[in-house]
C-alpha atoms as a PDB file:
ATOM      1  CA  MET A   1     -10.819 -15.521 -74.186  1.00  0.00           C
ATOM      2  CA  THR A   2     -13.948 -17.547 -74.513  1.00  0.00           C
ATOM      3  CA  GLU A   3     -16.456 -16.657 -71.979  1.00  0.00           C
ATOM      4  CA  VAL A   4     -17.834 -19.154 -69.881  1.00  0.00           C
ATOM      5  CA  TYR A   5     -21.150 -18.167 -67.666  1.00  0.00           C
ATOM      6  CA  GLY A   6     -22.370 -19.881 -64.431  1.00  0.00           C
ATOM      7  CA  SER A   7     -21.643 -20.282 -60.803  1.00  0.00           C
ATOM      8  CA  ILE A   8     -18.021 -20.590 -61.589  1.00  0.00           C
ATOM      9  CA  ILE A   9     -15.617 -21.009 -58.640  1.00  0.00           C
ATOM     10  CA  ASP A  10     -12.241 -21.230 -60.432  1.00  0.00           C
ATOM     11  CA  GLU A  11     -10.101 -20.141 -63.557  1.00  0.00           C
ATOM     12  CA  GLN A  12     -10.617 -23.987 -65.023  1.00  0.00           C
ATOM     13  CA  THR A  13     -14.551 -23.594 -65.128  1.00  0.00           C
ATOM     14  CA  ARG A  14     -15.326 -25.807 -62.020  1.00  0.00           C
ATOM     15  CA  CYS A  15     -18.815 -24.742 -60.870  1.00  0.00           C
ATOM     16  CA  VAL A  16     -20.529 -24.959 -57.496  1.00  0.00           C
ATOM     17  CA  HIS A  17     -22.675 -27.925 -58.755  1.00  0.00           C
ATOM     18  CA  TYR A  18     -19.482 -29.886 -60.193  1.00  0.00           C
ATOM     19  CA  HIS A  19     -16.199 -29.157 -58.721  1.00  0.00           C
ATOM     20  CA  SER A  20     -13.871 -32.373 -58.258  1.00  0.00           C
ATOM     21  CA  ASP A  21     -10.592 -32.412 -59.961  1.00  0.00           C
ATOM     22  CA  GLU A  22     -11.726 -33.568 -63.444  1.00  0.00           C
ATOM     23  CA  ASP A  23     -14.650 -30.985 -63.865  1.00  0.00           C
ATOM     24  CA  ILE A  24     -12.683 -29.080 -66.068  1.00  0.00           C
ATOM     25  CA  ILE A  25     -14.818 -28.490 -69.219  1.00  0.00           C
ATOM     26  CA  ALA A  26     -17.672 -26.091 -70.063  1.00  0.00           C
ATOM     27  CA  ILE A  27     -19.972 -27.085 -72.783  1.00  0.00           C
ATOM     28  CA  LYS A  28     -21.583 -24.802 -75.382  1.00  0.00           C
ATOM     29  CA  PHE A  29     -25.152 -24.973 -75.313  1.00  0.00           C
ATOM     30  CA  ARG A  30     -27.017 -25.309 -78.526  1.00  0.00           C
ATOM     31  CA  CYS A  31     -30.046 -22.984 -77.429  1.00  0.00           C
ATOM     32  CA  CYS A  32     -28.222 -20.075 -76.444  1.00  0.00           C
ATOM     33  CA  GLY A  33     -24.588 -20.702 -77.867  1.00  0.00           C
ATOM     34  CA  LYS A  34     -23.364 -19.720 -74.653  1.00  0.00           C
ATOM     35  CA  TYR A  35     -20.785 -21.870 -72.461  1.00  0.00           C
ATOM     36  CA  TYR A  36     -21.529 -23.263 -68.958  1.00  0.00           C
ATOM     37  CA  PRO A  37     -19.691 -25.621 -66.629  1.00  0.00           C
ATOM     38  CA  CYS A  38     -23.069 -27.836 -66.529  1.00  0.00           C
ATOM     39  CA  TYR A  39     -26.707 -28.013 -67.012  1.00  0.00           C
ATOM     40  CA  ARG A  40     -27.582 -26.933 -63.699  1.00  0.00           C
ATOM     41  CA  CYS A  41     -25.573 -23.464 -64.020  1.00  0.00           C
ATOM     42  CA  HIS A  42     -27.724 -22.863 -67.391  1.00  0.00           C
ATOM     43  CA  GLU A  43     -31.083 -23.890 -65.438  1.00  0.00           C
ATOM     44  CA  ASP A  44     -29.804 -21.208 -62.912  1.00  0.00           C
ATOM     45  CA  GLN A  45     -29.142 -18.450 -65.320  1.00  0.00           C
ATOM     46  CA  GLU A  46     -31.311 -18.869 -68.632  1.00  0.00           C
ATOM     47  CA  ASP A  47     -35.180 -18.411 -68.706  1.00  0.00           C
ATOM     48  CA  HIS A  48     -35.344 -21.280 -71.775  1.00  0.00           C
ATOM     49  CA  SER A  49     -34.981 -24.753 -71.798  1.00  0.00           C
ATOM     50  CA  ILE A  50     -31.835 -26.604 -72.815  1.00  0.00           C
ATOM     51  CA  ILE A  51     -32.081 -28.059 -76.681  1.00  0.00           C
ATOM     52  CA  PRO A  52     -29.927 -30.869 -77.054  1.00  0.00           C
ATOM     53  CA  TRP A  53     -26.863 -31.131 -80.008  1.00  0.00           C
ATOM     54  CA  ARG A  54     -28.212 -33.173 -82.893  1.00  0.00           C
ATOM     55  CA  THR A  55     -25.980 -36.055 -83.539  1.00  0.00           C
ATOM     56  CA  ASP A  56     -25.541 -34.454 -87.360  1.00  0.00           C
ATOM     57  CA  GLU A  57     -24.092 -31.090 -85.616  1.00  0.00           C
ATOM     58  CA  TYR A  58     -21.055 -33.381 -83.322  1.00  0.00           C
ATOM     59  CA  ASP A  59     -18.373 -31.479 -85.738  1.00  0.00           C
ATOM     60  CA  ALA A  60     -19.568 -28.674 -83.642  1.00  0.00           C
ATOM     61  CA  TYR A  61     -16.906 -26.913 -81.556  1.00  0.00           C
ATOM     62  CA  ALA A  62     -18.642 -27.410 -78.198  1.00  0.00           C
ATOM     63  CA  ILE A  63     -16.597 -28.347 -75.671  1.00  0.00           C
ATOM     64  CA  LEU A  64     -13.838 -26.060 -73.790  1.00  0.00           C
ATOM     65  CA  CYS A  65     -10.975 -27.259 -71.656  1.00  0.00           C
ATOM     66  CA  GLY A  66     -11.057 -25.152 -68.546  1.00  0.00           C
ATOM     67  CA  VAL A  67      -7.001 -26.007 -68.125  1.00  0.00           C
ATOM     68  CA  CYS A  68      -5.798 -24.833 -71.566  1.00  0.00           C
ATOM     69  CA  ARG A  69      -8.955 -23.257 -73.329  1.00  0.00           C
ATOM     70  CA  ARG A  70      -8.688 -25.761 -76.597  1.00  0.00           C
ATOM     71  CA  ALA A  71     -12.343 -25.978 -78.229  1.00  0.00           C
ATOM     72  CA  HIS A  72     -13.291 -29.655 -78.826  1.00  0.00           C
ATOM     73  CA  THR A  73     -15.798 -30.994 -81.228  1.00  0.00           C
ATOM     74  CA  ILE A  74     -18.732 -33.087 -79.743  1.00  0.00           C
ATOM     75  CA  SER A  75     -17.287 -35.997 -81.570  1.00  0.00           C
ATOM     76  CA  GLU A  76     -13.400 -35.439 -80.355  1.00  0.00           C
ATOM     77  CA  TYR A  77     -14.906 -35.160 -76.772  1.00  0.00           C
ATOM     78  CA  MET A  78     -17.085 -38.313 -76.984  1.00  0.00           C
ATOM     79  CA  ASP A  79     -14.111 -40.208 -78.241  1.00  0.00           C
ATOM     80  CA  THR A  80     -11.535 -39.424 -75.441  1.00  0.00           C
ATOM     81  CA  ASP A  81     -11.147 -39.077 -71.711  1.00  0.00           C
ATOM     82  CA  ARG A  82      -9.091 -36.152 -71.739  1.00  0.00           C
ATOM     83  CA  CYS A  83      -8.080 -32.825 -73.426  1.00  0.00           C
ATOM     84  CA  LEU A  84      -6.246 -33.410 -76.687  1.00  0.00           C
ATOM     85  CA  LYS A  85      -3.726 -30.640 -76.276  1.00  0.00           C
ATOM     86  CA  CYS A  86      -3.195 -30.574 -72.687  1.00  0.00           C
ATOM     87  CA  ASN A  87      -3.754 -33.958 -71.705  1.00  0.00           C
ATOM     88  CA  SER A  88      -5.569 -33.160 -68.844  1.00  0.00           C
ATOM     89  CA  LYS A  89      -8.392 -35.779 -67.814  1.00  0.00           C
ATOM     90  CA  PHE A  90     -12.257 -35.112 -68.155  1.00  0.00           C
ATOM     91  CA  ASN A  91     -14.694 -36.218 -65.785  1.00  0.00           C
ATOM     92  CA  GLU A  92     -16.149 -39.730 -66.819  1.00  0.00           C
ATOM     93  CA  GLY A  93     -19.141 -38.993 -64.684  1.00  0.00           C
ATOM     94  CA  CYS A  94     -19.980 -36.381 -67.185  1.00  0.00           C
ATOM     95  CA  LYS A  95     -21.329 -39.346 -69.336  1.00  0.00           C
ATOM     96  CA  HIS A  96     -24.220 -39.738 -67.170  1.00  0.00           C
ATOM     97  CA  HIS A  97     -25.510 -36.429 -68.445  1.00  0.00           C
ATOM     98  CA  HIS A  98     -25.007 -36.727 -72.449  1.00  0.00           C
ATOM     99  CA  HIS A  99     -28.685 -37.177 -72.623  1.00  0.00           C
ATOM    100  CA  ILE A 100     -29.139 -33.614 -71.415  1.00  0.00           C
ATOM    101  CA  TYR A 101     -26.433 -32.065 -73.888  1.00  0.00           C
ATOM    102  CA  PHE A 102     -26.503 -34.425 -76.800  1.00  0.00           C
ATOM    103  CA  GLY A 103     -29.134 -36.169 -78.620  1.00  0.00           C
END
């Protein structure tokens, strides 16, 4: 199973920072290759700056559904509001942070 780092509070990758019913993804950070539920978890545990994924890298599998553990490419994630395998709804509010994760 893919390891998810950070201050996780349940098995569906919710963390102390974001833990609504729809906060069920983890993001693989380009800078370190580790999955974290959010940028704040990354900041809490890493000693390097976040490096966003470039648009030419959107075919990378970098989004993990916390419900079924299916990995999504960044493009797949950007084109949907739910998991492509289990149909669980993703938090649309995450779009407010896309500039942190994706270039």
